[in-house]
PDB file of N, CA and C in Angstrom:
ATOM      1  N   UNK A   1     -66.326   2.092  28.918  1.00  0.00           N
ATOM      2  CA  UNK A   1     -65.034   2.534  29.118  1.00  0.00           C
ATOM      3  C   UNK A   1     -63.988   1.465  29.022  1.00  0.00           C
ATOM      4  N   UNK A   2     -62.827   1.549  28.254  1.00  0.00           N
ATOM      5  CA  UNK A   2     -62.059   0.898  28.090  1.00  0.00           C
ATOM      6  C   UNK A   2     -60.757   0.860  28.862  1.00  0.00           C
ATOM      7  N   UNK A   3     -60.335  -0.302  29.333  1.00  0.00           N
ATOM      8  CA  UNK A   3     -59.204   0.020  30.204  1.00  0.00           C
ATOM      9  C   UNK A   3     -57.635  -0.350  29.047  1.00  0.00           C
ATOM     10  N   UNK A   4     -56.803   0.397  29.322  1.00  0.00           N
ATOM     11  CA  UNK A   4     -55.803   0.316  28.540  1.00  0.00           C
ATOM     12  C   UNK A   4     -54.542  -0.901  29.094  1.00  0.00           C
ATOM     13  N   UNK A   5     -54.446  -1.796  28.374  1.00  0.00           N
ATOM     14  CA  UNK A   5     -53.481  -2.436  29.098  1.00  0.00           C
ATOM     15  C   UNK A   5     -52.048  -2.222  28.976  1.00  0.00           C
ATOM     16  N   UNK A   6     -50.925  -2.366  30.000  1.00  0.00           N
ATOM     17  CA  UNK A   6     -49.859  -1.874  29.913  1.00  0.00           C
ATOM     18  C   UNK A   6     -48.756  -2.859  29.086  1.00  0.00           C
ATOM     19  N   UNK A   7     -47.886  -2.006  28.278  1.00  0.00           N
ATOM     20  CA  UNK A   7     -47.264  -2.326  27.252  1.00  0.00           C
ATOM     21  C   UNK A   7     -46.150  -3.388  27.722  1.00  0.00           C
ATOM     22  N   UNK A   8     -45.471  -4.831  27.690  1.00  0.00           N
ATOM     23  CA  UNK A   8     -44.922  -5.440  28.003  1.00  0.00           C
ATOM     24  C   UNK A   8     -43.563  -5.003  28.257  1.00  0.00           C
ATOM     25  N   UNK A   9     -42.843  -5.126  29.184  1.00  0.00           N
ATOM     26  CA  UNK A   9     -41.100  -4.692  29.203  1.00  0.00           C
ATOM     27  C   UNK A   9     -40.419  -5.360  28.230  1.00  0.00           C
ATOM     28  N   UNK A  10     -40.655  -6.645  27.866  1.00  0.00           N
ATOM     29  CA  UNK A  10     -39.661  -7.208  26.745  1.00  0.00           C
ATOM     30  C   UNK A  10     -40.215  -6.596  25.271  1.00  0.00           C
ATOM     31  N   UNK A  11     -41.451  -5.686  25.059  1.00  0.00           N
ATOM     32  CA  UNK A  11     -41.509  -5.055  23.877  1.00  0.00           C
ATOM     33  C   UNK A  11     -40.657  -3.975  23.884  1.00  0.00           C
ATOM     34  N   UNK A  12     -40.785  -3.276  25.059  1.00  0.00           N
ATOM     35  CA  UNK A  12     -40.021  -1.888  25.286  1.00  0.00           C
ATOM     36  C   UNK A  12     -38.686  -2.522  24.918  1.00  0.00           C
ATOM     37  N   UNK A  13     -37.781  -3.057  25.922  1.00  0.00           N
ATOM     38  CA  UNK A  13     -36.680  -3.385  25.524  1.00  0.00           C
ATOM     39  C   UNK A  13     -36.194  -3.673  24.000  1.00  0.00           C
ATOM     40  N   UNK A  14     -37.330  -4.299  23.305  1.00  0.00           N
ATOM     41  CA  UNK A  14     -36.728  -5.033  22.136  1.00  0.00           C
ATOM     42  C   UNK A  14     -36.842  -3.780  21.059  1.00  0.00           C
ATOM     43  N   UNK A  15     -37.769  -2.714  21.500  1.00  0.00           N
ATOM     44  CA  UNK A  15     -37.862  -1.474  20.664  1.00  0.00           C
ATOM     45  C   UNK A  15     -36.805  -0.782  20.835  1.00  0.00           C
ATOM     46  N   UNK A  16     -36.328  -0.632  22.282  1.00  0.00           N
ATOM     47  CA  UNK A  16     -34.953   0.060  22.277  1.00  0.00           C
ATOM     48  C   UNK A  16     -33.738  -0.589  21.625  1.00  0.00           C
ATOM     49  N   UNK A  17     -33.433  -1.874  21.657  1.00  0.00           N
ATOM     50  CA  UNK A  17     -32.508  -2.374  20.813  1.00  0.00           C
ATOM     51  C   UNK A  17     -32.347  -2.141  19.446  1.00  0.00           C
ATOM     52  N   UNK A  18     -33.537  -1.684  18.854  1.00  0.00           N
ATOM     53  CA  UNK A  18     -33.583  -1.501  17.606  1.00  0.00           C
ATOM     54  C   UNK A  18     -33.216  -0.025  17.327  1.00  0.00           C
ATOM     55  N   UNK A  19     -33.480   0.786  18.189  1.00  0.00           N
ATOM     56  CA  UNK A  19     -33.310   2.327  17.817  1.00  0.00           C
ATOM     57  C   UNK A  19     -31.792   2.651  18.500  1.00  0.00           C
ATOM     58  N   UNK A  20     -31.424   1.733  19.282  1.00  0.00           N
ATOM     59  CA  UNK A  20     -29.901   2.114  19.973  1.00  0.00           C
ATOM     60  C   UNK A  20     -28.985   1.516  19.204  1.00  0.00           C
ATOM     61  N   UNK A  21     -27.788   2.359  18.615  1.00  0.00           N
ATOM     62  CA  UNK A  21     -26.863   1.840  17.763  1.00  0.00           C
ATOM     63  C   UNK A  21     -25.938   0.880  18.167  1.00  0.00           C
ATOM     64  N   UNK A  22     -25.346  -0.210  17.640  1.00  0.00           N
ATOM     65  CA  UNK A  22     -24.834  -0.911  18.617  1.00  0.00           C
ATOM     66  C   UNK A  22     -23.582  -1.608  17.623  1.00  0.00           C
ATOM     67  N   UNK A  23     -22.409  -1.655  17.824  1.00  0.00           N
ATOM     68  CA  UNK A  23     -21.326  -2.095  17.175  1.00  0.00           C
ATOM     69  C   UNK A  23     -21.234  -3.388  16.656  1.00  0.00           C
ATOM     70  N   UNK A  24     -20.724  -3.993  15.486  1.00  0.00           N
ATOM     71  CA  UNK A  24     -21.126  -5.509  15.453  1.00  0.00           C
ATOM     72  C   UNK A  24     -20.618  -6.517  16.242  1.00  0.00           C
ATOM     73  N   UNK A  25     -19.680  -5.871  17.384  1.00  0.00           N
ATOM     74  CA  UNK A  25     -19.589  -6.940  18.625  1.00  0.00           C
ATOM     75  C   UNK A  25     -20.767  -6.644  19.195  1.00  0.00           C
ATOM     76  N   UNK A  26     -21.643  -6.127  19.440  1.00  0.00           N
ATOM     77  CA  UNK A  26     -22.667  -6.027  20.510  1.00  0.00           C
ATOM     78  C   UNK A  26     -22.701  -4.851  21.259  1.00  0.00           C
ATOM     79  N   UNK A  27     -21.582  -4.286  21.437  1.00  0.00           N
ATOM     80  CA  UNK A  27     -21.019  -3.129  22.625  1.00  0.00           C
ATOM     81  C   UNK A  27     -21.804  -2.098  21.859  1.00  0.00           C
ATOM     82  N   UNK A  28     -22.395  -1.043  22.777  1.00  0.00           N
ATOM     83  CA  UNK A  28     -22.917   0.261  22.525  1.00  0.00           C
ATOM     84  C   UNK A  28     -21.957   0.965  21.504  1.00  0.00           C
ATOM     85  N   UNK A  29     -22.467   1.747  20.418  1.00  0.00           N
ATOM     86  CA  UNK A  29     -21.802   2.699  19.698  1.00  0.00           C
ATOM     87  C   UNK A  29     -21.008   3.746  20.635  1.00  0.00           C
ATOM     88  N   UNK A  30     -19.879   3.880  20.209  1.00  0.00           N
ATOM     89  CA  UNK A  30     -18.893   5.403  20.677  1.00  0.00           C
ATOM     90  C   UNK A  30     -19.228   6.324  19.918  1.00  0.00           C
ATOM     91  N   UNK A  31     -19.260   5.947  18.565  1.00  0.00           N
ATOM     92  CA  UNK A  31     -18.983   6.903  17.587  1.00  0.00           C
ATOM     93  C   UNK A  31     -19.631   5.922  15.947  1.00  0.00           C
ATOM     94  N   UNK A  32     -19.674   6.768  14.870  1.00  0.00           N
ATOM     95  CA  UNK A  32     -19.635   6.115  13.487  1.00  0.00           C
ATOM     96  C   UNK A  32     -18.861   6.123  12.536  1.00  0.00           C
ATOM     97  N   UNK A  33     -18.543   5.401  11.677  1.00  0.00           N
ATOM     98  CA  UNK A  33     -17.191   5.489  10.664  1.00  0.00           C
ATOM     99  C   UNK A  33     -17.386   6.709   9.764  1.00  0.00           C
ATOM    100  N   UNK A  34     -16.251   7.651   9.645  1.00  0.00           N
ATOM    101  CA  UNK A  34     -16.220   8.465   8.865  1.00  0.00           C
ATOM    102  C   UNK A  34     -16.014   8.439   7.546  1.00  0.00           C
ATOM    103  N   UNK A  35     -15.606   7.286   7.045  1.00  0.00           N
ATOM    104  CA  UNK A  35     -15.320   7.044   5.743  1.00  0.00           C
ATOM    105  C   UNK A  35     -16.169   7.614   4.675  1.00  0.00           C
ATOM    106  N   UNK A  36     -15.588   8.217   3.837  1.00  0.00           N
ATOM    107  CA  UNK A  36     -16.133   8.787   2.606  1.00  0.00           C
ATOM    108  C   UNK A  36     -16.963   7.946   1.831  1.00  0.00           C
ATOM    109  N   UNK A  37     -18.319   7.653   1.618  1.00  0.00           N
ATOM    110  CA  UNK A  37     -19.296   6.859   0.961  1.00  0.00           C
ATOM    111  C   UNK A  37     -20.452   7.408   0.361  1.00  0.00           C
ATOM    112  N   UNK A  38     -20.234   7.463  -0.806  1.00  0.00           N
ATOM    113  CA  UNK A  38     -20.861   8.179  -1.972  1.00  0.00           C
ATOM    114  C   UNK A  38     -22.660   7.507  -1.913  1.00  0.00           C
ATOM    115  N   UNK A  39     -22.207   6.405  -1.662  1.00  0.00           N
ATOM    116  CA  UNK A  39     -23.927   5.613  -1.632  1.00  0.00           C
ATOM    117  C   UNK A  39     -24.673   5.727  -0.512  1.00  0.00           C
ATOM    118  N   UNK A  40     -24.228   6.275   0.670  1.00  0.00           N
ATOM    119  CA  UNK A  40     -25.054   6.475   1.692  1.00  0.00           C
ATOM    120  C   UNK A  40     -25.431   8.196   1.929  1.00  0.00           C
ATOM    121  N   UNK A  41     -26.712   8.203   2.358  1.00  0.00           N
ATOM    122  CA  UNK A  41     -27.175   9.579   1.991  1.00  0.00           C
ATOM    123  C   UNK A  41     -26.270  11.011   2.647  1.00  0.00           C
ATOM    124  N   UNK A  42     -26.066  10.233   3.970  1.00  0.00           N
ATOM    125  CA  UNK A  42     -24.837  11.270   4.694  1.00  0.00           C
ATOM    126  C   UNK A  42     -23.699  11.685   4.041  1.00  0.00           C
ATOM    127  N   UNK A  43     -23.098  10.515   2.872  1.00  0.00           N
ATOM    128  CA  UNK A  43     -21.984  10.732   2.553  1.00  0.00           C
ATOM    129  C   UNK A  43     -20.777  10.098   3.147  1.00  0.00           C
ATOM    130  N   UNK A  44     -21.337   9.460   4.246  1.00  0.00           N
ATOM    131  CA  UNK A  44     -20.067   8.696   5.035  1.00  0.00           C
ATOM    132  C   UNK A  44     -20.560   7.210   4.936  1.00  0.00           C
ATOM    133  N   UNK A  45     -19.624   6.407   5.816  1.00  0.00           N
ATOM    134  CA  UNK A  45     -20.024   5.224   6.101  1.00  0.00           C
ATOM    135  C   UNK A  45     -21.147   4.832   7.178  1.00  0.00           C
ATOM    136  N   UNK A  46     -21.006   5.653   8.031  1.00  0.00           N
ATOM    137  CA  UNK A  46     -22.123   5.538   9.397  1.00  0.00           C
ATOM    138  C   UNK A  46     -22.116   4.525   9.719  1.00  0.00           C
ATOM    139  N   UNK A  47     -21.274   3.404   9.691  1.00  0.00           N
ATOM    140  CA  UNK A  47     -21.401   2.344  10.583  1.00  0.00           C
ATOM    141  C   UNK A  47     -21.044   2.305  12.082  1.00  0.00           C
ATOM    142  N   UNK A  48     -21.980   1.702  13.006  1.00  0.00           N
ATOM    143  CA  UNK A  48     -21.707   2.041  14.295  1.00  0.00           C
ATOM    144  C   UNK A  48     -20.610   1.240  14.602  1.00  0.00           C
ATOM    145  N   UNK A  49     -19.706   2.157  15.935  1.00  0.00           N
ATOM    146  CA  UNK A  49     -18.644   1.398  16.141  1.00  0.00           C
ATOM    147  C   UNK A  49     -18.140   1.706  17.793  1.00  0.00           C
ATOM    148  N   UNK A  50     -17.468   0.654  18.455  1.00  0.00           N
ATOM    149  CA  UNK A  50     -17.777   1.015  20.033  1.00  0.00           C
ATOM    150  C   UNK A  50     -16.361   1.607  19.908  1.00  0.00           C
ATOM    151  N   UNK A  51     -16.151   1.649  21.381  1.00  0.00           N
ATOM    152  CA  UNK A  51     -14.801   2.591  21.431  1.00  0.00           C
ATOM    153  C   UNK A  51     -13.543   1.680  21.585  1.00  0.00           C
ATOM    154  N   UNK A  52     -13.614   0.410  21.467  1.00  0.00           N
ATOM    155  CA  UNK A  52     -12.889  -0.820  21.268  1.00  0.00           C
ATOM    156  C   UNK A  52     -12.217  -0.710  19.731  1.00  0.00           C
ATOM    157  N   UNK A  53     -13.552  -0.696  19.085  1.00  0.00           N
ATOM    158  CA  UNK A  53     -13.253  -1.208  17.527  1.00  0.00           C
ATOM    159  C   UNK A  53     -12.863   0.445  16.753  1.00  0.00           C
ATOM    160  N   UNK A  54     -13.389   1.151  17.217  1.00  0.00           N
ATOM    161  CA  UNK A  54     -13.115   2.786  16.565  1.00  0.00           C
ATOM    162  C   UNK A  54     -11.666   3.202  16.558  1.00  0.00           C
ATOM    163  N   UNK A  55     -10.899   3.259  15.277  1.00  0.00           N
ATOM    164  CA  UNK A  55      -9.548   4.071  14.904  1.00  0.00           C
ATOM    165  C   UNK A  55      -9.825   5.277  14.993  1.00  0.00           C
ATOM    166  N   UNK A  56      -8.916   5.732  15.635  1.00  0.00           N
ATOM    167  CA  UNK A  56      -9.115   7.586  15.415  1.00  0.00           C
ATOM    168  C   UNK A  56      -7.835   8.021  14.306  1.00  0.00           C
ATOM    169  N   UNK A  57      -8.113   8.131  13.215  1.00  0.00           N
ATOM    170  CA  UNK A  57      -7.048   8.636  12.317  1.00  0.00           C
ATOM    171  C   UNK A  57      -6.968   9.863  12.005  1.00  0.00           C
ATOM    172  N   UNK A  58      -7.932  10.850  12.484  1.00  0.00           N
ATOM    173  CA  UNK A  58      -7.327  12.089  12.507  1.00  0.00           C
ATOM    174  C   UNK A  58      -8.317  12.896  13.566  1.00  0.00           C
ATOM    175  N   UNK A  59      -7.703  13.953  14.428  1.00  0.00           N
ATOM    176  CA  UNK A  59      -8.562  14.127  15.578  1.00  0.00           C
ATOM    177  C   UNK A  59     -10.236  14.236  15.214  1.00  0.00           C
ATOM    178  N   UNK A  60     -11.184  13.748  16.107  1.00  0.00           N
ATOM    179  CA  UNK A  60     -12.420  13.572  15.860  1.00  0.00           C
ATOM    180  C   UNK A  60     -12.877  12.568  14.382  1.00  0.00           C
ATOM    181  N   UNK A  61     -12.015  11.774  13.799  1.00  0.00           N
ATOM    182  CA  UNK A  61     -12.577  11.173  12.750  1.00  0.00           C
ATOM    183  C   UNK A  61     -11.931   9.692  12.960  1.00  0.00           C
ATOM    184  N   UNK A  62     -12.852   8.889  12.829  1.00  0.00           N
ATOM    185  CA  UNK A  62     -12.855   7.676  13.364  1.00  0.00           C
ATOM    186  C   UNK A  62     -13.336   6.540  12.012  1.00  0.00           C
ATOM    187  N   UNK A  63     -12.469   5.512  12.135  1.00  0.00           N
ATOM    188  CA  UNK A  63     -12.818   4.395  10.876  1.00  0.00           C
ATOM    189  C   UNK A  63     -13.363   3.097  11.434  1.00  0.00           C
ATOM    190  N   UNK A  64     -14.149   2.287  11.198  1.00  0.00           N
ATOM    191  CA  UNK A  64     -14.428   0.914  11.143  1.00  0.00           C
ATOM    192  C   UNK A  64     -13.528   0.040  11.204  1.00  0.00           C
ATOM    193  N   UNK A  65     -13.689  -1.182  11.545  1.00  0.00           N
ATOM    194  CA  UNK A  65     -12.393  -1.839  11.272  1.00  0.00           C
ATOM    195  C   UNK A  65     -12.414  -2.699   9.578  1.00  0.00           C
ATOM    196  N   UNK A  66     -13.342  -2.263   9.032  1.00  0.00           N
ATOM    197  CA  UNK A  66     -13.219  -2.519   7.550  1.00  0.00           C
ATOM    198  C   UNK A  66     -12.518  -1.463   6.667  1.00  0.00           C
ATOM    199  N   UNK A  67     -12.883  -0.501   7.157  1.00  0.00           N
ATOM    200  CA  UNK A  67     -12.374   0.813   6.375  1.00  0.00           C
ATOM    201  C   UNK A  67     -10.839   1.155   7.004  1.00  0.00           C
ATOM    202  N   UNK A  68     -10.924   0.707   8.237  1.00  0.00           N
ATOM    203  CA  UNK A  68      -9.478   0.789   8.737  1.00  0.00           C
ATOM    204  C   UNK A  68      -8.493   0.053   8.000  1.00  0.00           C
ATOM    205  N   UNK A  69      -8.735  -1.110   7.783  1.00  0.00           N
ATOM    206  CA  UNK A  69      -7.911  -1.899   6.765  1.00  0.00           C
ATOM    207  C   UNK A  69      -7.770  -1.296   5.391  1.00  0.00           C
ATOM    208  N   UNK A  70      -8.796  -0.952   4.840  1.00  0.00           N
ATOM    209  CA  UNK A  70      -8.588   0.107   3.507  1.00  0.00           C
ATOM    210  C   UNK A  70      -7.579   1.096   3.575  1.00  0.00           C
ATOM    211  N   UNK A  71      -7.945   1.848   4.969  1.00  0.00           N
ATOM    212  CA  UNK A  71      -6.965   2.806   4.858  1.00  0.00           C
ATOM    213  C   UNK A  71      -5.491   2.467   5.134  1.00  0.00           C
ATOM    214  N   UNK A  72      -5.243   1.738   5.801  1.00  0.00           N
ATOM    215  CA  UNK A  72      -4.095   0.855   5.958  1.00  0.00           C
ATOM    216  C   UNK A  72      -3.167   0.281   4.533  1.00  0.00           C
ATOM    217  N   UNK A  73      -4.049   0.191   3.945  1.00  0.00           N
ATOM    218  CA  UNK A  73      -3.493  -0.805   2.853  1.00  0.00           C
ATOM    219  C   UNK A  73      -3.193   0.429   1.759  1.00  0.00           C
ATOM    220  N   UNK A  74      -4.108   1.789   1.666  1.00  0.00           N
ATOM    221  CA  UNK A  74      -3.968   2.862   0.983  1.00  0.00           C
ATOM    222  C   UNK A  74      -2.614   3.376   1.504  1.00  0.00           C
ATOM    223  N   UNK A  75      -2.396   3.589   2.827  1.00  0.00           N
ATOM    224  CA  UNK A  75      -1.386   4.527   3.300  1.00  0.00           C
ATOM    225  C   UNK A  75      -0.277   3.490   3.410  1.00  0.00           C
ATOM    226  N   UNK A  76      -0.124   2.392   3.198  1.00  0.00           N
ATOM    227  CA  UNK A  76       1.102   1.624   2.979  1.00  0.00           C
ATOM    228  C   UNK A  76       1.916   1.913   1.423  1.00  0.00           C
ATOM    229  N   UNK A  77       1.155   2.110   0.572  1.00  0.00           N
ATOM    230  CA  UNK A  77       1.457   2.245  -0.865  1.00  0.00           C
ATOM    231  C   UNK A  77       1.862   3.488  -0.721  1.00  0.00           C
ATOM    232  N   UNK A  78       1.579   4.578  -0.018  1.00  0.00           N
ATOM    233  CA  UNK A  78       2.094   6.266  -0.470  1.00  0.00           C
ATOM    234  C   UNK A  78       1.925   6.658   0.919  1.00  0.00           C
ATOM    235  N   UNK A  79       2.861   7.591   0.968  1.00  0.00           N
ATOM    236  CA  UNK A  79       2.694   8.381   2.290  1.00  0.00           C
ATOM    237  C   UNK A  79       1.503   9.727   2.037  1.00  0.00           C
ATOM    238  N   UNK A  80       0.374   9.533   2.789  1.00  0.00           N
ATOM    239  CA  UNK A  80      -0.682  10.626   2.554  1.00  0.00           C
ATOM    240  C   UNK A  80      -0.237  12.146   3.374  1.00  0.00           C
ATOM    241  N   UNK A  81      -0.397  13.090   2.908  1.00  0.00           N
ATOM    242  CA  UNK A  81       0.019  14.750   3.625  1.00  0.00           C
ATOM    243  C   UNK A  81      -1.092  14.710   4.184  1.00  0.00           C
ATOM    244  N   UNK A  82      -1.405  15.485   5.077  1.00  0.00           N
ATOM    245  CA  UNK A  82      -2.405  15.580   6.170  1.00  0.00           C
ATOM    246  C   UNK A  82      -3.837  15.853   5.322  1.00  0.00           C
ATOM    247  N   UNK A  83      -3.631  17.268   4.294  1.00  0.00           N
ATOM    248  CA  UNK A  83      -4.803  17.457   3.456  1.00  0.00           C
ATOM    249  C   UNK A  83      -5.437  16.397   2.661  1.00  0.00           C
ATOM    250  N   UNK A  84      -4.408  15.259   2.353  1.00  0.00           N
ATOM    251  CA  UNK A  84      -4.998  14.294   1.464  1.00  0.00           C
ATOM    252  C   UNK A  84      -5.977  13.019   2.355  1.00  0.00           C
ATOM    253  N   UNK A  85      -5.349  13.166   3.495  1.00  0.00           N
ATOM    254  CA  UNK A  85      -6.028  12.210   4.516  1.00  0.00           C
ATOM    255  C   UNK A  85      -7.456  12.598   4.849  1.00  0.00           C
ATOM    256  N   UNK A  86      -7.194  14.088   4.944  1.00  0.00           N
ATOM    257  CA  UNK A  86      -8.735  14.719   5.580  1.00  0.00           C
ATOM    258  C   UNK A  86      -9.891  14.974   4.014  1.00  0.00           C
ATOM    259  N   UNK A  87      -9.154  14.696   3.085  1.00  0.00           N
ATOM    260  CA  UNK A  87      -9.924  14.692   1.464  1.00  0.00           C
ATOM    261  C   UNK A  87     -10.762  13.182   1.873  1.00  0.00           C
ATOM    262  N   UNK A  88     -10.033  12.209   2.532  1.00  0.00           N
ATOM    263  CA  UNK A  88     -10.870  11.112   2.343  1.00  0.00           C
ATOM    264  C   UNK A  88     -12.381  11.129   3.563  1.00  0.00           C
ATOM    265  N   UNK A  89     -12.055  11.689   3.972  1.00  0.00           N
ATOM    266  CA  UNK A  89     -13.207  12.275   5.139  1.00  0.00           C
ATOM    267  C   UNK A  89     -14.332  13.568   5.000  1.00  0.00           C
ATOM    268  N   UNK A  90     -13.902  13.936   3.776  1.00  0.00           N
ATOM    269  CA  UNK A  90     -14.830  15.181   3.469  1.00  0.00           C
ATOM    270  C   UNK A  90     -15.792  14.611   2.408  1.00  0.00           C
ATOM    271  N   UNK A  91     -17.033  15.540   2.651  1.00  0.00           N
ATOM    272  CA  UNK A  91     -18.067  15.080   2.317  1.00  0.00           C
ATOM    273  C   UNK A  91     -18.322  14.523   1.005  1.00  0.00           C
ATOM    274  N   UNK A  92     -18.861  13.686   0.500  1.00  0.00           N
ATOM    275  CA  UNK A  92     -19.146  13.072  -0.719  1.00  0.00           C
ATOM    276  C   UNK A  92     -19.727  14.227  -1.478  1.00  0.00           C
ATOM    277  N   UNK A  93     -19.405  13.988  -2.925  1.00  0.00           N
ATOM    278  CA  UNK A  93     -20.023  14.868  -4.039  1.00  0.00           C
ATOM    279  C   UNK A  93     -21.128  14.264  -4.626  1.00  0.00           C
TER     280      UNK A  93
END
């Protein structure tokens, strides 16, 4: 009869860290970036972002710092209507 050895706690913690989504700053993710990105399977950026770094641009729509800067550059050149803002977050075709 063989006896099983317990799994080391450090291995369990490492596995949890791999599967837990963290912001680039190391904080636990509050949400993911909703910027439309056709190169991702989901159709959006999906970068994990913490509450401190998440920028809400529409109710329930958040951007990571990189896409927030891009969004601000686009906005500064032209005033977006609400429908145009929503189009930035619609599913990529």
